[in-house]
Amino acid sequence: MSARARARTLNRIVDYHNSQRRDLDVSVHFYAYEQVSKPMGVEVLYVTQGALAADVSTAISCCGLLNRGAKKRTDLFFLNETAGPAILIETCFVDSEADAEVYERQFDAICEAIATVLGGNDVDVILPPATDEYSVGGKVSCFGGPDDTGVSPSEGLAFIYSVDDAPQLFLPFQPEGTTGLARRLNPYVHYVACRWDYGLVPKSEMINHVALVRAVETGIAMKAFPADWGPHEDTGRVADISPGLMDDLDITTDDEVEVIFPYMEA
């Protein structure tokens, strides 16, 4: 597209927005940089709406995309020229194999995440949990993914036996030099391991539910998929979570969390 055609297109978009009655202007885009297999992620651009941009980016990332966060940009025509407050969503990188797979598989969830935040709902609010639940609190660490040398290259998972059992948890490729599911876990997806009560939820049903993980220090709470059993009691920890979830909860190893499972929103 020529610079003149691009300018005409941007003017039409902004003119349309400015002709409407609305509380917020939102433009949805997709990044393209270079063809890669690794995850690249979502980010949301803003001029004045930093908090909203961060909330939208976090909500979308909960669907399995790397959270690149809110980025202030003062050089974008849409953000500068719309009359109302505005954000620009860069949903994912279309030339990332991992991002494209998550987007295709989680399209409905991504749309729902955006709508939930823009509708004025706080994605981190803890709603009343189910009455029959596993609940535990204590120190946390992270596990899983290609870089976790704490598990062997061939190590499996306690109740997930193949990628097809829970494809949302895994990278689209087996990391080089590994054969086990633990090292194939997508470290940017939110997952958790605890010493679950299989009497409450049988192993065969674990992947049909989600847990709520809350960071005691930051107060941030997010849903996560159960992925494994652990950590061992000798570690003094009550949960292992994905590196991505640890980042999004804004905590580090041996910080304290609370885990509720199964978690069902009221």
Protein backbone atom coordinates (compact mmCIF):
# COMPACT_ATOMS: atom_id res chain seq x y z
CA MET A 1 0.00 0.00 0.00
CA SER A 2 1.33 3.43 -0.95
CA ALA A 3 1.76 6.16 1.66
CA ARG A 4 -1.11 8.12 0.10
CA ALA A 5 -3.46 5.13 0.15
CA ARG A 6 -2.46 4.35 3.72
CA ALA A 7 -3.20 7.94 4.77
CA ARG A 8 -6.62 7.81 3.10
CA THR A 9 -7.42 4.54 4.89
CA LEU A 10 -6.36 5.86 8.28
CA ASN A 11 -8.37 9.06 7.79
CA ARG A 12 -11.49 7.08 6.90
CA ILE A 13 -11.10 4.89 9.97
CA VAL A 14 -10.62 7.84 12.30
CA ASP A 15 -13.41 9.85 10.66
CA TYR A 16 -15.78 6.93 11.18
CA HIS A 17 -14.87 6.59 14.84
CA ASN A 18 -15.23 10.31 15.44
CA SER A 19 -18.69 10.30 13.84
CA GLN A 20 -20.02 7.77 16.38
CA ARG A 21 -21.29 8.15 19.93
CA ARG A 22 -19.03 5.98 22.08
CA ASP A 23 -17.01 5.84 25.28
CA LEU A 24 -13.86 4.26 23.89
CA ASP A 25 -12.10 3.82 20.55
CA VAL A 26 -10.51 0.41 19.93
CA SER A 27 -8.51 -0.72 16.91
CA VAL A 28 -7.55 -4.39 16.58
CA HIS A 29 -4.37 -5.34 14.69
CA PHE A 30 -1.93 -8.21 14.20
CA TYR A 31 1.85 -7.89 14.21
CA ALA A 32 4.11 -9.35 11.52
CA TYR A 33 7.89 -9.25 11.88
CA GLU A 34 9.61 -12.45 10.75
CA GLN A 35 8.54 -16.05 10.42
CA VAL A 36 9.37 -17.94 13.63
CA SER A 37 8.11 -20.98 15.50
CA LYS A 38 8.52 -19.49 18.99
CA PRO A 39 5.77 -17.56 20.85
CA MET A 40 5.86 -13.77 20.37
CA GLY A 41 2.72 -12.57 22.13
CA VAL A 42 0.19 -9.80 22.59
CA GLU A 43 0.62 -6.15 23.47
CA VAL A 44 -1.74 -3.19 23.69
CA LEU A 45 -0.70 0.32 22.65
CA TYR A 46 -1.93 3.54 24.22
CA VAL A 47 -1.34 7.25 24.73
CA THR A 48 -3.47 7.96 27.81
CA GLN A 49 -5.12 4.61 28.66
CA GLY A 50 -2.21 2.75 30.25
CA ALA A 51 -4.16 0.89 32.92
CA LEU A 52 -6.84 -0.28 30.49
CA ALA A 53 -4.21 -1.34 27.95
CA ALA A 54 -2.43 -3.42 30.61
CA ASP A 55 -5.69 -5.09 31.66
CA VAL A 56 -6.59 -5.99 28.06
CA SER A 57 -3.11 -7.37 27.35
CA THR A 58 -3.17 -9.49 30.51
CA ALA A 59 -6.67 -10.82 29.76
CA ILE A 60 -5.71 -11.87 26.22
CA SER A 61 -2.47 -13.46 27.45
CA CYS A 62 -4.48 -15.69 29.79
CA CYS A 63 -5.67 -17.49 26.66
CA GLY A 64 -2.13 -18.76 26.06
CA LEU A 65 -0.21 -15.88 24.48
CA LEU A 66 2.96 -14.28 25.82
CA ASN A 67 2.05 -11.04 27.61
CA ARG A 68 4.18 -8.21 26.19
CA GLY A 69 2.08 -5.73 28.16
CA ALA A 70 0.98 -2.15 27.62
CA LYS A 71 3.22 0.07 25.48
CA LYS A 72 2.90 3.85 25.23
CA ARG A 73 3.05 5.06 21.61
CA THR A 74 2.73 8.71 20.70
CA ASP A 75 3.41 8.27 16.96
CA LEU A 76 0.29 6.39 15.83
CA PHE A 77 -2.40 8.22 13.85
CA PHE A 78 -5.33 6.29 15.30
CA LEU A 79 -4.32 6.90 18.92
CA ASN A 80 -3.58 10.57 18.30
CA GLU A 81 -6.55 11.55 16.13
CA THR A 82 -9.57 9.76 17.62
CA ALA A 83 -11.51 12.21 19.76
CA GLY A 84 -12.20 9.76 22.56
CA PRO A 85 -9.84 7.68 24.71
CA ALA A 86 -8.31 4.92 22.61
CA ILE A 87 -6.28 1.72 22.66
CA LEU A 88 -4.79 -0.30 19.82
CA ILE A 89 -4.65 -4.07 20.33
CA GLU A 90 -1.83 -6.00 18.68
CA THR A 91 -3.46 -9.38 19.21
CA CYS A 92 -0.52 -11.60 18.26
CA PHE A 93 2.19 -12.14 15.65
CA VAL A 94 0.66 -13.77 12.60
CA ASP A 95 4.10 -14.95 11.45
CA SER A 96 4.71 -16.81 14.72
CA GLU A 97 3.69 -20.46 14.40
CA ALA A 98 3.02 -20.70 18.14
CA ASP A 99 0.92 -17.50 18.23
CA ALA A 100 -1.10 -18.48 15.16
CA GLU A 101 -1.94 -21.85 16.68
CA VAL A 102 -3.08 -20.28 19.95
CA TYR A 103 -5.14 -17.67 18.10
CA GLU A 104 -6.90 -20.25 15.97
CA ARG A 105 -7.61 -22.55 18.92
CA GLN A 106 -8.53 -19.83 21.43
CA PHE A 107 -10.32 -17.34 19.15
CA ASP A 108 -13.57 -17.36 21.12
CA ALA A 109 -11.73 -17.08 24.44
CA ILE A 110 -9.67 -14.15 23.17
CA CYS A 111 -12.81 -12.33 22.01
CA GLU A 112 -14.46 -13.00 25.37
CA ALA A 113 -11.38 -11.75 27.25
CA ILE A 114 -11.41 -8.46 25.33
CA ALA A 115 -15.16 -8.02 25.80
CA THR A 116 -14.91 -8.78 29.51
CA VAL A 117 -12.36 -6.05 30.16
CA LEU A 118 -13.94 -3.47 27.86
CA GLY A 119 -17.31 -4.21 29.44
CA GLY A 120 -15.96 -2.96 32.74
CA ASN A 121 -15.36 -6.28 34.49
CA ASP A 122 -12.14 -6.88 36.43
CA VAL A 123 -10.60 -10.14 35.26
CA ASP A 124 -8.74 -10.49 38.57
CA VAL A 125 -11.77 -10.34 40.86
CA ILE A 126 -12.09 -13.45 43.00
CA LEU A 127 -15.66 -14.68 42.80
CA PRO A 128 -17.17 -17.21 45.23
CA PRO A 129 -15.65 -20.62 44.53
CA ALA A 130 -17.34 -23.98 44.46
CA THR A 131 -18.33 -25.44 47.82
CA ASP A 132 -16.48 -28.74 47.29
CA GLU A 133 -12.92 -27.64 46.64
CA TYR A 134 -9.25 -28.24 47.18
CA SER A 135 -7.73 -25.12 48.77
CA VAL A 136 -4.11 -24.63 49.79
CA GLY A 137 -1.73 -21.78 50.53
CA GLY A 138 2.04 -21.49 50.76
CA LYS A 139 5.25 -21.04 48.79
CA VAL A 140 5.43 -21.47 45.03
CA SER A 141 7.98 -22.23 42.34
CA CYS A 142 7.77 -22.62 38.57
CA PHE A 143 8.21 -25.64 36.32
CA GLY A 144 7.83 -26.93 32.80
CA GLY A 145 8.84 -25.89 29.33
CA PRO A 146 11.99 -26.34 27.25
CA ASP A 147 14.24 -24.48 29.70
CA ASP A 148 13.28 -26.42 32.83
CA THR A 149 16.34 -28.57 33.47
CA GLY A 150 14.87 -29.57 36.83
CA VAL A 151 12.84 -32.22 35.00
CA SER A 152 14.36 -34.86 32.77
CA PRO A 153 14.03 -34.60 28.97
CA SER A 154 11.72 -37.64 29.05
CA GLU A 155 9.61 -36.75 32.10
CA GLY A 156 5.86 -37.06 31.69
CA LEU A 157 2.89 -35.61 33.57
CA ALA A 158 0.73 -37.20 36.22
CA PHE A 159 -2.65 -37.23 34.47
CA ILE A 160 -1.99 -35.94 30.94
CA TYR A 161 -0.66 -38.66 28.69
CA SER A 162 -0.52 -37.03 25.24
CA VAL A 163 -0.61 -33.58 23.67
CA ASP A 164 -4.08 -34.37 22.33
CA ASP A 165 -5.43 -34.71 25.89
CA ALA A 166 -4.92 -30.96 26.53
CA PRO A 167 -3.47 -29.28 23.41
CA GLN A 168 -3.88 -25.80 24.88
CA LEU A 169 -1.05 -26.54 27.32
CA PHE A 170 1.66 -27.49 24.87
CA LEU A 171 4.07 -26.03 22.38
CA PRO A 172 3.30 -26.93 18.75
CA PHE A 173 6.66 -28.72 18.53
CA GLN A 174 8.67 -31.09 20.74
CA PRO A 175 11.75 -29.22 22.03
CA GLU A 176 14.99 -30.53 20.59
CA GLY A 177 16.60 -33.25 22.65
CA THR A 178 13.43 -34.04 24.63
CA THR A 179 10.65 -36.61 24.45
CA GLY A 180 8.57 -35.92 27.58
CA LEU A 181 5.48 -33.77 28.01
CA ALA A 182 6.89 -31.77 30.94
CA ARG A 183 9.49 -30.09 28.72
CA ARG A 184 6.90 -29.57 25.96
CA LEU A 185 4.61 -27.50 28.17
CA ASN A 186 4.19 -23.98 26.80
CA PRO A 187 5.80 -21.83 29.51
CA TYR A 188 3.61 -18.85 28.59
CA VAL A 189 0.33 -20.68 29.20
CA HIS A 190 -1.12 -20.49 32.71
CA TYR A 191 -0.88 -23.92 34.32
CA VAL A 192 -0.36 -25.21 37.86
CA ALA A 193 0.69 -28.36 39.70
CA CYS A 194 -0.42 -29.12 43.27
CA ARG A 195 -0.72 -32.17 45.46
CA TRP A 196 -4.31 -32.58 44.30
CA ASP A 197 -7.00 -34.53 46.13
CA TYR A 198 -7.99 -37.16 43.56
CA GLY A 199 -10.85 -38.15 45.83
CA LEU A 200 -12.41 -34.75 45.10
CA VAL A 201 -11.66 -34.70 41.37
CA PRO A 202 -10.49 -38.00 39.80
CA LYS A 203 -7.39 -37.98 37.63
CA SER A 204 -9.53 -38.64 34.55
CA GLU A 205 -11.48 -35.41 35.19
CA MET A 206 -8.65 -33.05 36.15
CA ILE A 207 -8.22 -31.49 32.72
CA ASN A 208 -11.92 -30.65 32.54
CA HIS A 209 -11.57 -28.02 35.30
CA VAL A 210 -9.48 -24.94 36.07
CA ALA A 211 -7.86 -23.65 39.25
CA LEU A 212 -7.65 -20.12 40.61
CA VAL A 213 -4.15 -19.03 41.67
CA ARG A 214 -3.84 -15.87 43.77
CA ALA A 215 -0.57 -14.17 44.67
CA VAL A 216 -0.71 -13.12 48.31
CA GLU A 217 1.74 -10.22 47.95
CA THR A 218 0.35 -8.62 44.79
CA GLY A 219 -3.30 -9.65 45.21
CA ILE A 220 -3.46 -10.65 41.53
CA ALA A 221 -5.53 -13.76 40.82
CA MET A 222 -5.69 -15.72 37.58
CA LYS A 223 -7.16 -18.95 36.31
CA ALA A 224 -4.79 -21.79 35.42
CA PHE A 225 -5.05 -25.28 33.97
CA PRO A 226 -4.08 -28.20 36.23
CA ALA A 227 -1.10 -29.84 34.54
CA ASP A 228 0.69 -32.15 36.97
CA TRP A 229 0.92 -33.43 40.55
CA GLY A 230 3.50 -31.83 42.87
CA PRO A 231 5.73 -30.37 44.16
CA HIS A 232 7.16 -32.91 46.56
CA GLU A 233 6.53 -32.11 50.23
CA ASP A 234 10.28 -31.97 50.87
CA THR A 235 10.50 -28.72 48.86
CA GLY A 236 8.39 -26.85 51.40
CA ARG A 237 6.25 -25.51 48.57
CA VAL A 238 2.57 -26.08 47.85
CA ALA A 239 2.43 -25.36 44.12
CA ASP A 240 4.45 -25.24 40.92
CA ILE A 241 3.21 -22.86 38.23
CA SER A 242 4.22 -21.93 34.70
CA PRO A 243 6.90 -19.26 34.22
CA GLY A 244 4.34 -17.16 32.37
CA LEU A 245 1.86 -17.30 35.22
CA MET A 246 4.57 -16.38 37.69
CA ASP A 247 5.43 -13.33 35.59
CA ASP A 248 1.80 -12.29 35.23
CA LEU A 249 1.18 -12.66 38.97
CA ASP A 250 4.26 -10.44 39.45
CA ILE A 251 5.91 -12.85 41.89
CA THR A 252 9.09 -14.92 42.16
CA THR A 253 10.10 -18.31 43.55
CA ASP A 254 9.11 -18.86 47.20
CA ASP A 255 6.53 -16.07 47.23
CA GLU A 256 3.19 -17.21 48.61
CA VAL A 257 0.08 -18.15 46.66
CA GLU A 258 -3.36 -19.51 47.35
CA VAL A 259 -4.81 -22.17 45.04
CA ILE A 260 -8.50 -23.09 44.75
CA PHE A 261 -9.58 -26.10 42.71
CA PRO A 262 -11.92 -26.69 41.00
CA TYR A 263 -12.74 -23.02 40.47
CA MET A 264 -16.15 -22.14 39.12
CA GLU A 265 -17.25 -18.54 38.70
CA ALA A 266 -20.60 -17.63 40.22
